Amino acid sequence: MNTGLTRLLTAVCVVLAATGAARAEWGPETVALGVGLEEVFDQEGRRAVYSAELGFTEWGAGLAPVAELNVTEAGAVFAGLGLAWRWEAEALPLGLRVGVAPGYYDQGRDKFLGGNFQVYSFIEAGWRVTKAHGLGLRLAHLSNASTADQNPGTEIVSLIYEFKLAGR
């Protein structure tokens, strides 16, 4: 991977962590668990994907840090840190989330995605079931953002269950 890009991403993560740590009320607020399929737009190679997301205190304007973890049935693992933006309708229990998280990918016995550096991006339509519980349908893309010679990428569709942590 490009050394300059590595340094930039490291610096961004350090700034995000330092900014969040400086806020006394900063901390994890939500957990989202998901189950889905990868390679949804290909005719073959579909595999189950299990995901977990830790959502942190909103910084403002709907923007909050997130930690993403995805594991496929073929043993691939992605772990990343990033940001997600959330919008929720006032009159209806509907919402939208968009996020991006650069991170580390180990392919296990799964598809080679061009290297260990990958970027997980997603858009999610959600329904707030109660004040503390929600359901969502997420479309995600995992690729190396053309930072390597090969960039096959993969798409993931998941059903998401999100809940607020106690006391948040």
N, C-alpha and C. Protein backbone atom coordinates (compact mmCIF):
# COMPACT_ATOMS: atom_id res chain seq x y z
N MET A 1 0.84 -1.18 0.00
CA MET A 1 0.00 0.00 0.00
C MET A 1 0.88 1.24 0.00
N ASN A 2 0.39 2.31 -0.55
CA ASN A 2 1.08 3.57 -0.63
C ASN A 2 1.40 4.08 0.78
N THR A 3 2.70 4.39 1.02
CA THR A 3 3.13 4.83 2.35
C THR A 3 2.46 6.14 2.75
N GLY A 4 2.31 7.05 1.80
CA GLY A 4 1.65 8.33 2.09
C GLY A 4 0.22 8.13 2.52
N LEU A 5 -0.51 7.23 1.84
CA LEU A 5 -1.89 6.94 2.20
C LEU A 5 -1.95 6.32 3.59
N THR A 6 -1.03 5.42 3.89
CA THR A 6 -0.99 4.80 5.22
C THR A 6 -0.81 5.85 6.30
N ARG A 7 0.10 6.77 6.08
CA ARG A 7 0.34 7.85 7.07
C ARG A 7 -0.88 8.74 7.22
N LEU A 8 -1.53 9.06 6.09
CA LEU A 8 -2.72 9.90 6.15
C LEU A 8 -3.83 9.22 6.96
N LEU A 9 -4.09 7.95 6.67
CA LEU A 9 -5.14 7.23 7.39
C LEU A 9 -4.81 7.09 8.87
N THR A 10 -3.55 6.85 9.18
CA THR A 10 -3.13 6.77 10.58
C THR A 10 -3.38 8.10 11.28
N ALA A 11 -3.02 9.20 10.62
CA ALA A 11 -3.23 10.53 11.20
C ALA A 11 -4.71 10.81 11.42
N VAL A 12 -5.55 10.45 10.45
CA VAL A 12 -6.99 10.66 10.59
C VAL A 12 -7.53 9.89 11.78
N CYS A 13 -7.13 8.63 11.92
CA CYS A 13 -7.59 7.82 13.06
C CYS A 13 -7.13 8.39 14.39
N VAL A 14 -5.91 8.88 14.46
CA VAL A 14 -5.39 9.48 15.69
C VAL A 14 -6.18 10.74 16.04
N VAL A 15 -6.45 11.58 15.03
CA VAL A 15 -7.23 12.81 15.27
C VAL A 15 -8.64 12.46 15.74
N LEU A 16 -9.27 11.48 15.09
CA LEU A 16 -10.62 11.08 15.49
C LEU A 16 -10.63 10.57 16.93
N ALA A 17 -9.66 9.74 17.26
CA ALA A 17 -9.58 9.20 18.62
C ALA A 17 -9.32 10.30 19.64
N ALA A 18 -8.40 11.21 19.33
CA ALA A 18 -8.06 12.30 20.26
C ALA A 18 -9.24 13.25 20.44
N THR A 19 -9.93 13.57 19.36
CA THR A 19 -11.09 14.46 19.44
C THR A 19 -12.17 13.85 20.30
N GLY A 20 -12.45 12.57 20.07
CA GLY A 20 -13.48 11.90 20.85
C GLY A 20 -13.09 11.74 22.30
N ALA A 21 -11.82 11.41 22.56
CA ALA A 21 -11.37 11.21 23.93
C ALA A 21 -11.40 12.50 24.73
N ALA A 22 -11.29 13.64 24.04
CA ALA A 22 -11.30 14.93 24.72
C ALA A 22 -12.69 15.29 25.23
N ARG A 23 -13.71 14.64 24.73
CA ARG A 23 -15.08 14.94 25.15
C ARG A 23 -15.45 14.02 26.30
N ALA A 24 -15.82 14.59 27.42
CA ALA A 24 -16.11 13.79 28.61
C ALA A 24 -17.28 12.83 28.40
N GLU A 25 -18.28 13.25 27.63
CA GLU A 25 -19.45 12.41 27.43
C GLU A 25 -19.28 11.41 26.30
N TRP A 26 -18.12 11.39 25.69
CA TRP A 26 -17.89 10.52 24.54
C TRP A 26 -17.81 9.07 24.97
N GLY A 27 -18.44 8.20 24.22
CA GLY A 27 -18.37 6.79 24.51
C GLY A 27 -19.32 6.00 23.63
N PRO A 28 -19.28 4.68 23.74
CA PRO A 28 -20.17 3.86 22.92
C PRO A 28 -21.62 4.07 23.31
N GLU A 29 -22.50 4.18 22.31
CA GLU A 29 -23.92 4.38 22.55
C GLU A 29 -24.79 3.27 22.00
N THR A 30 -24.40 2.72 20.84
CA THR A 30 -25.23 1.72 20.20
C THR A 30 -24.41 0.51 19.77
N VAL A 31 -25.10 -0.61 19.64
CA VAL A 31 -24.53 -1.82 19.05
C VAL A 31 -25.49 -2.23 17.94
N ALA A 32 -24.94 -2.53 16.78
CA ALA A 32 -25.74 -3.03 15.66
C ALA A 32 -25.19 -4.38 15.24
N LEU A 33 -26.07 -5.36 15.17
CA LEU A 33 -25.69 -6.71 14.75
C LEU A 33 -26.37 -7.01 13.43
N GLY A 34 -25.64 -7.65 12.52
CA GLY A 34 -26.21 -7.91 11.22
C GLY A 34 -25.90 -9.29 10.68
N VAL A 35 -26.74 -9.72 9.76
CA VAL A 35 -26.51 -10.95 9.02
C VAL A 35 -26.89 -10.66 7.58
N GLY A 36 -26.04 -11.13 6.66
CA GLY A 36 -26.31 -10.84 5.27
C GLY A 36 -25.56 -11.74 4.32
N LEU A 37 -25.48 -11.31 3.06
CA LEU A 37 -24.79 -12.04 2.01
C LEU A 37 -23.82 -11.11 1.29
N GLU A 38 -22.63 -11.65 0.98
CA GLU A 38 -21.70 -10.90 0.14
C GLU A 38 -21.78 -11.42 -1.28
N GLU A 39 -21.19 -10.69 -2.21
CA GLU A 39 -21.23 -11.02 -3.64
C GLU A 39 -22.67 -11.06 -4.15
N VAL A 40 -23.52 -10.14 -3.68
CA VAL A 40 -24.94 -10.16 -4.02
C VAL A 40 -25.20 -9.84 -5.49
N PHE A 41 -24.28 -9.19 -6.17
CA PHE A 41 -24.50 -8.85 -7.58
C PHE A 41 -23.80 -9.83 -8.52
N ASP A 42 -23.15 -10.85 -7.98
CA ASP A 42 -22.53 -11.90 -8.79
C ASP A 42 -23.41 -13.14 -8.77
N GLN A 43 -23.28 -13.96 -9.80
CA GLN A 43 -24.10 -15.17 -9.90
C GLN A 43 -23.59 -16.30 -9.02
N GLU A 44 -22.32 -16.26 -8.64
CA GLU A 44 -21.78 -17.33 -7.81
C GLU A 44 -20.91 -16.74 -6.71
N GLY A 45 -20.59 -17.56 -5.74
CA GLY A 45 -19.71 -17.12 -4.67
C GLY A 45 -20.39 -16.41 -3.53
N ARG A 46 -21.70 -16.47 -3.45
CA ARG A 46 -22.39 -15.80 -2.33
C ARG A 46 -22.09 -16.54 -1.03
N ARG A 47 -21.75 -15.74 -0.01
CA ARG A 47 -21.42 -16.30 1.29
C ARG A 47 -22.09 -15.47 2.38
N ALA A 48 -22.38 -16.11 3.50
CA ALA A 48 -22.96 -15.41 4.64
C ALA A 48 -21.94 -14.46 5.25
N VAL A 49 -22.42 -13.31 5.71
CA VAL A 49 -21.59 -12.31 6.40
C VAL A 49 -22.28 -11.97 7.71
N TYR A 50 -21.50 -11.95 8.78
CA TYR A 50 -22.00 -11.57 10.10
C TYR A 50 -21.27 -10.30 10.50
N SER A 51 -22.02 -9.32 11.02
CA SER A 51 -21.39 -8.04 11.31
C SER A 51 -21.77 -7.53 12.70
N ALA A 52 -20.90 -6.69 13.21
CA ALA A 52 -21.14 -6.00 14.46
C ALA A 52 -20.60 -4.58 14.30
N GLU A 53 -21.36 -3.63 14.80
CA GLU A 53 -20.94 -2.23 14.74
C GLU A 53 -21.13 -1.61 16.11
N LEU A 54 -20.15 -0.86 16.53
CA LEU A 54 -20.23 -0.10 17.76
C LEU A 54 -20.33 1.36 17.36
N GLY A 55 -21.44 2.00 17.73
CA GLY A 55 -21.66 3.42 17.40
C GLY A 55 -21.36 4.28 18.62
N PHE A 56 -20.65 5.38 18.39
CA PHE A 56 -20.25 6.26 19.48
C PHE A 56 -21.08 7.53 19.52
N THR A 57 -20.90 8.32 20.55
CA THR A 57 -21.64 9.55 20.77
C THR A 57 -21.53 10.47 19.56
N GLU A 58 -22.67 10.99 19.14
CA GLU A 58 -22.72 11.90 18.00
C GLU A 58 -21.92 13.17 18.30
N TRP A 59 -21.14 13.60 17.30
CA TRP A 59 -20.36 14.83 17.44
C TRP A 59 -21.17 16.06 17.07
N GLY A 60 -22.22 15.89 16.30
CA GLY A 60 -23.05 17.00 15.84
C GLY A 60 -23.46 16.77 14.41
N ALA A 61 -24.60 17.35 14.03
CA ALA A 61 -25.14 17.25 12.67
C ALA A 61 -25.31 15.81 12.21
N GLY A 62 -25.57 14.88 13.15
CA GLY A 62 -25.80 13.49 12.82
C GLY A 62 -24.56 12.65 12.58
N LEU A 63 -23.37 13.22 12.77
CA LEU A 63 -22.11 12.54 12.48
C LEU A 63 -21.52 11.93 13.76
N ALA A 64 -21.15 10.64 13.67
CA ALA A 64 -20.60 9.94 14.83
C ALA A 64 -19.57 8.91 14.40
N PRO A 65 -18.56 8.66 15.24
CA PRO A 65 -17.59 7.59 14.96
C PRO A 65 -18.24 6.21 15.08
N VAL A 66 -17.71 5.26 14.29
CA VAL A 66 -18.17 3.88 14.35
C VAL A 66 -16.98 2.94 14.26
N ALA A 67 -17.14 1.77 14.86
CA ALA A 67 -16.17 0.68 14.71
C ALA A 67 -16.92 -0.47 14.05
N GLU A 68 -16.37 -0.97 12.94
CA GLU A 68 -17.03 -2.00 12.15
C GLU A 68 -16.26 -3.31 12.22
N LEU A 69 -16.99 -4.43 12.27
CA LEU A 69 -16.39 -5.76 12.22
C LEU A 69 -17.29 -6.63 11.37
N ASN A 70 -16.70 -7.26 10.34
CA ASN A 70 -17.43 -8.20 9.48
C ASN A 70 -16.66 -9.50 9.41
N VAL A 71 -17.36 -10.62 9.48
CA VAL A 71 -16.76 -11.94 9.36
C VAL A 71 -17.61 -12.74 8.39
N THR A 72 -16.97 -13.38 7.40
CA THR A 72 -17.72 -14.20 6.44
C THR A 72 -17.63 -15.67 6.82
N GLU A 73 -18.53 -16.46 6.27
CA GLU A 73 -18.51 -17.90 6.55
C GLU A 73 -17.25 -18.56 6.01
N ALA A 74 -16.54 -17.89 5.08
CA ALA A 74 -15.28 -18.43 4.54
C ALA A 74 -14.07 -17.95 5.33
N GLY A 75 -14.30 -17.29 6.44
CA GLY A 75 -13.21 -16.91 7.33
C GLY A 75 -12.57 -15.56 7.07
N ALA A 76 -13.12 -14.75 6.17
CA ALA A 76 -12.58 -13.40 5.96
C ALA A 76 -13.01 -12.52 7.12
N VAL A 77 -12.12 -11.61 7.52
CA VAL A 77 -12.40 -10.69 8.62
C VAL A 77 -12.03 -9.28 8.18
N PHE A 78 -12.94 -8.33 8.41
CA PHE A 78 -12.65 -6.92 8.21
C PHE A 78 -12.91 -6.20 9.52
N ALA A 79 -11.98 -5.33 9.93
CA ALA A 79 -12.16 -4.49 11.10
C ALA A 79 -11.73 -3.08 10.73
N GLY A 80 -12.60 -2.10 11.00
CA GLY A 80 -12.27 -0.73 10.63
C GLY A 80 -12.91 0.29 11.56
N LEU A 81 -12.36 1.51 11.49
CA LEU A 81 -12.87 2.65 12.25
C LEU A 81 -13.23 3.75 11.27
N GLY A 82 -14.36 4.40 11.50
CA GLY A 82 -14.76 5.45 10.57
C GLY A 82 -15.83 6.34 11.15
N LEU A 83 -16.62 6.92 10.23
CA LEU A 83 -17.68 7.85 10.59
C LEU A 83 -18.98 7.45 9.91
N ALA A 84 -20.10 7.70 10.60
CA ALA A 84 -21.42 7.45 10.02
C ALA A 84 -22.29 8.68 10.27
N TRP A 85 -23.10 8.99 9.30
CA TRP A 85 -24.05 10.09 9.40
C TRP A 85 -25.44 9.49 9.50
N ARG A 86 -26.25 10.01 10.43
CA ARG A 86 -27.61 9.50 10.65
C ARG A 86 -28.62 10.63 10.51
N TRP A 87 -29.71 10.32 9.81
CA TRP A 87 -30.84 11.22 9.71
C TRP A 87 -32.08 10.42 10.06
N GLU A 88 -32.93 10.98 10.93
CA GLU A 88 -34.19 10.33 11.26
C GLU A 88 -35.32 11.32 11.07
N ALA A 89 -36.42 10.85 10.47
CA ALA A 89 -37.60 11.68 10.26
C ALA A 89 -38.22 12.03 11.60
N GLU A 90 -38.79 13.21 11.67
CA GLU A 90 -39.42 13.62 12.93
C GLU A 90 -40.80 13.01 13.11
N ALA A 91 -41.58 12.94 12.02
CA ALA A 91 -42.95 12.49 12.12
C ALA A 91 -43.10 10.97 11.98
N LEU A 92 -42.10 10.31 11.40
CA LEU A 92 -42.17 8.87 11.17
C LEU A 92 -40.97 8.19 11.81
N PRO A 93 -41.09 6.90 12.11
CA PRO A 93 -39.95 6.19 12.72
C PRO A 93 -38.96 5.67 11.67
N LEU A 94 -38.71 6.46 10.64
CA LEU A 94 -37.83 6.05 9.54
C LEU A 94 -36.55 6.87 9.55
N GLY A 95 -35.48 6.28 9.02
CA GLY A 95 -34.21 7.00 9.00
C GLY A 95 -33.29 6.48 7.91
N LEU A 96 -32.16 7.16 7.81
CA LEU A 96 -31.14 6.84 6.83
C LEU A 96 -29.78 6.99 7.47
N ARG A 97 -28.87 6.05 7.16
CA ARG A 97 -27.49 6.15 7.64
C ARG A 97 -26.56 5.94 6.47
N VAL A 98 -25.47 6.68 6.47
CA VAL A 98 -24.42 6.54 5.47
C VAL A 98 -23.11 6.54 6.23
N GLY A 99 -22.21 5.61 5.89
CA GLY A 99 -20.95 5.54 6.63
C GLY A 99 -19.80 5.05 5.79
N VAL A 100 -18.61 5.31 6.31
CA VAL A 100 -17.37 4.85 5.68
C VAL A 100 -16.37 4.54 6.79
N ALA A 101 -15.64 3.42 6.61
CA ALA A 101 -14.67 3.00 7.63
C ALA A 101 -13.50 2.31 6.95
N PRO A 102 -12.34 2.95 6.89
CA PRO A 102 -11.14 2.26 6.40
C PRO A 102 -10.67 1.28 7.46
N GLY A 103 -10.03 0.20 7.01
CA GLY A 103 -9.56 -0.77 7.99
C GLY A 103 -8.74 -1.89 7.39
N TYR A 104 -8.62 -2.95 8.17
CA TYR A 104 -7.78 -4.10 7.84
C TYR A 104 -8.65 -5.28 7.43
N TYR A 105 -8.22 -5.97 6.37
CA TYR A 105 -8.95 -7.13 5.84
C TYR A 105 -8.01 -8.33 5.76
N ASP A 106 -8.45 -9.47 6.29
CA ASP A 106 -7.75 -10.74 6.14
C ASP A 106 -8.70 -11.65 5.38
N GLN A 107 -8.30 -12.11 4.21
CA GLN A 107 -9.22 -12.85 3.34
C GLN A 107 -9.56 -14.25 3.81
N GLY A 108 -8.80 -14.84 4.72
CA GLY A 108 -9.10 -16.22 5.13
C GLY A 108 -9.17 -17.11 3.90
N ARG A 109 -10.25 -17.87 3.74
CA ARG A 109 -10.46 -18.70 2.54
C ARG A 109 -11.41 -18.00 1.56
N ASP A 110 -11.63 -16.72 1.75
CA ASP A 110 -12.58 -15.94 0.96
C ASP A 110 -11.89 -15.27 -0.22
N LYS A 111 -12.61 -14.42 -0.89
CA LYS A 111 -12.16 -13.71 -2.10
C LYS A 111 -11.00 -12.75 -1.80
N PHE A 112 -10.00 -12.75 -2.68
CA PHE A 112 -8.90 -11.80 -2.60
C PHE A 112 -9.41 -10.45 -3.07
N LEU A 113 -9.26 -9.43 -2.24
CA LEU A 113 -9.77 -8.09 -2.56
C LEU A 113 -8.66 -7.10 -2.92
N GLY A 114 -7.46 -7.60 -3.18
CA GLY A 114 -6.39 -6.71 -3.62
C GLY A 114 -5.40 -6.32 -2.53
N GLY A 115 -5.62 -6.76 -1.31
CA GLY A 115 -4.68 -6.44 -0.23
C GLY A 115 -5.39 -6.35 1.10
N ASN A 116 -4.61 -6.02 2.12
CA ASN A 116 -5.16 -5.96 3.48
C ASN A 116 -5.89 -4.66 3.79
N PHE A 117 -5.50 -3.56 3.14
CA PHE A 117 -6.21 -2.30 3.35
C PHE A 117 -7.50 -2.30 2.55
N GLN A 118 -8.62 -2.06 3.22
CA GLN A 118 -9.93 -1.99 2.56
C GLN A 118 -10.74 -0.86 3.16
N VAL A 119 -11.72 -0.38 2.40
CA VAL A 119 -12.64 0.65 2.87
C VAL A 119 -14.05 0.08 2.80
N TYR A 120 -14.73 0.10 3.95
CA TYR A 120 -16.10 -0.37 4.05
C TYR A 120 -16.99 0.86 3.99
N SER A 121 -17.89 0.91 3.01
CA SER A 121 -18.84 2.02 2.91
C SER A 121 -20.25 1.45 2.83
N PHE A 122 -21.21 2.18 3.37
CA PHE A 122 -22.58 1.65 3.40
C PHE A 122 -23.62 2.74 3.36
N ILE A 123 -24.81 2.33 2.95
CA ILE A 123 -26.02 3.13 3.07
C ILE A 123 -27.07 2.21 3.67
N GLU A 124 -27.85 2.72 4.60
CA GLU A 124 -28.80 1.88 5.34
C GLU A 124 -30.11 2.63 5.53
N ALA A 125 -31.21 1.96 5.21
CA ALA A 125 -32.54 2.48 5.50
C ALA A 125 -32.99 1.82 6.80
N GLY A 126 -33.50 2.63 7.73
CA GLY A 126 -33.84 2.08 9.04
C GLY A 126 -35.25 2.41 9.49
N TRP A 127 -35.70 1.60 10.42
CA TRP A 127 -37.00 1.77 11.05
C TRP A 127 -36.80 1.69 12.55
N ARG A 128 -37.15 2.76 13.26
CA ARG A 128 -37.02 2.82 14.72
C ARG A 128 -38.23 2.12 15.32
N VAL A 129 -38.03 0.89 15.84
CA VAL A 129 -39.12 0.09 16.40
C VAL A 129 -39.57 0.69 17.73
N THR A 130 -38.61 0.98 18.60
CA THR A 130 -38.87 1.69 19.85
C THR A 130 -37.76 2.74 19.98
N LYS A 131 -37.78 3.48 21.07
CA LYS A 131 -36.74 4.50 21.27
C LYS A 131 -35.34 3.87 21.34
N ALA A 132 -35.26 2.63 21.81
CA ALA A 132 -33.95 1.99 22.01
C ALA A 132 -33.64 0.88 21.01
N HIS A 133 -34.56 0.55 20.09
CA HIS A 133 -34.35 -0.57 19.18
C HIS A 133 -34.73 -0.18 17.75
N GLY A 134 -33.94 -0.66 16.81
CA GLY A 134 -34.23 -0.37 15.41
C GLY A 134 -33.84 -1.52 14.50
N LEU A 135 -34.41 -1.52 13.30
CA LEU A 135 -34.10 -2.50 12.27
C LEU A 135 -33.67 -1.75 11.02
N GLY A 136 -32.78 -2.35 10.25
CA GLY A 136 -32.32 -1.69 9.04
C GLY A 136 -32.00 -2.66 7.93
N LEU A 137 -31.97 -2.14 6.72
CA LEU A 137 -31.53 -2.88 5.55
C LEU A 137 -30.34 -2.11 5.00
N ARG A 138 -29.18 -2.77 4.97
CA ARG A 138 -27.91 -2.11 4.62
C ARG A 138 -27.34 -2.69 3.33
N LEU A 139 -26.90 -1.79 2.45
CA LEU A 139 -26.13 -2.15 1.27
C LEU A 139 -24.73 -1.59 1.49
N ALA A 140 -23.73 -2.47 1.47
CA ALA A 140 -22.35 -2.06 1.74
C ALA A 140 -21.44 -2.48 0.59
N HIS A 141 -20.33 -1.79 0.50
CA HIS A 141 -19.31 -2.10 -0.50
C HIS A 141 -17.97 -2.15 0.25
N LEU A 142 -17.19 -3.18 -0.04
CA LEU A 142 -15.87 -3.34 0.56
C LEU A 142 -14.85 -3.44 -0.56
N SER A 143 -13.93 -2.49 -0.61
CA SER A 143 -12.88 -2.52 -1.64
C SER A 143 -11.68 -1.73 -1.14
N ASN A 144 -10.59 -1.80 -1.90
CA ASN A 144 -9.38 -1.09 -1.48
C ASN A 144 -9.30 0.32 -2.06
N ALA A 145 -10.39 0.80 -2.65
CA ALA A 145 -10.48 2.16 -3.17
C ALA A 145 -9.38 2.45 -4.20
N SER A 146 -9.06 1.44 -4.98
CA SER A 146 -8.03 1.55 -6.05
C SER A 146 -6.65 1.93 -5.53
N THR A 147 -6.33 1.52 -4.31
CA THR A 147 -5.00 1.77 -3.76
C THR A 147 -4.03 0.64 -4.10
N ALA A 148 -4.53 -0.44 -4.71
CA ALA A 148 -3.69 -1.57 -5.11
C ALA A 148 -3.91 -1.85 -6.59
N ASP A 149 -3.07 -2.70 -7.17
CA ASP A 149 -3.18 -3.05 -8.59
C ASP A 149 -4.51 -3.75 -8.89
N GLN A 150 -4.96 -4.60 -7.98
CA GLN A 150 -6.23 -5.29 -8.15
C GLN A 150 -7.24 -4.70 -7.17
N ASN A 151 -8.48 -4.51 -7.65
CA ASN A 151 -9.52 -3.93 -6.80
C ASN A 151 -10.87 -4.56 -7.15
N PRO A 152 -11.04 -5.87 -6.89
CA PRO A 152 -12.29 -6.51 -7.28
C PRO A 152 -13.49 -6.07 -6.44
N GLY A 153 -13.30 -5.79 -5.16
CA GLY A 153 -14.39 -5.36 -4.29
C GLY A 153 -15.48 -6.41 -4.14
N THR A 154 -16.39 -6.15 -3.24
CA THR A 154 -17.54 -7.01 -3.02
C THR A 154 -18.67 -6.17 -2.43
N GLU A 155 -19.90 -6.56 -2.72
CA GLU A 155 -21.08 -5.89 -2.17
C GLU A 155 -21.73 -6.82 -1.16
N ILE A 156 -22.30 -6.21 -0.13
CA ILE A 156 -22.92 -6.97 0.95
C ILE A 156 -24.31 -6.38 1.23
N VAL A 157 -25.31 -7.22 1.31
CA VAL A 157 -26.65 -6.79 1.75
C VAL A 157 -26.92 -7.46 3.09
N SER A 158 -27.32 -6.66 4.08
CA SER A 158 -27.51 -7.20 5.43
C SER A 158 -28.79 -6.68 6.06
N LEU A 159 -29.38 -7.50 6.93
CA LEU A 159 -30.43 -7.07 7.84
C LEU A 159 -29.73 -6.69 9.13
N ILE A 160 -30.08 -5.53 9.68
CA ILE A 160 -29.39 -4.99 10.85
C ILE A 160 -30.38 -4.82 12.00
N TYR A 161 -29.96 -5.22 13.18
CA TYR A 161 -30.69 -4.96 14.42
C TYR A 161 -29.82 -4.08 15.29
N GLU A 162 -30.31 -2.90 15.63
CA GLU A 162 -29.53 -1.95 16.44
C GLU A 162 -30.22 -1.70 17.78
N PHE A 163 -29.43 -1.61 18.83
CA PHE A 163 -29.98 -1.28 20.14
C PHE A 163 -29.07 -0.32 20.87
N LYS A 164 -29.67 0.54 21.69
CA LYS A 164 -28.90 1.47 22.50
C LYS A 164 -28.41 0.77 23.75
N LEU A 165 -27.20 1.11 24.15
CA LEU A 165 -26.65 0.54 25.38
C LEU A 165 -27.33 1.15 26.58
N ALA A 166 -27.43 0.39 27.65
CA ALA A 166 -28.10 0.85 28.87
C ALA A 166 -27.48 2.14 29.38
N GLY A 167 -28.31 3.06 29.79
CA GLY A 167 -27.82 4.32 30.34
C GLY A 167 -27.44 5.35 29.31
N ARG A 168 -27.67 5.07 28.02
CA ARG A 168 -27.29 6.04 26.97
C ARG A 168 -28.50 6.65 26.35
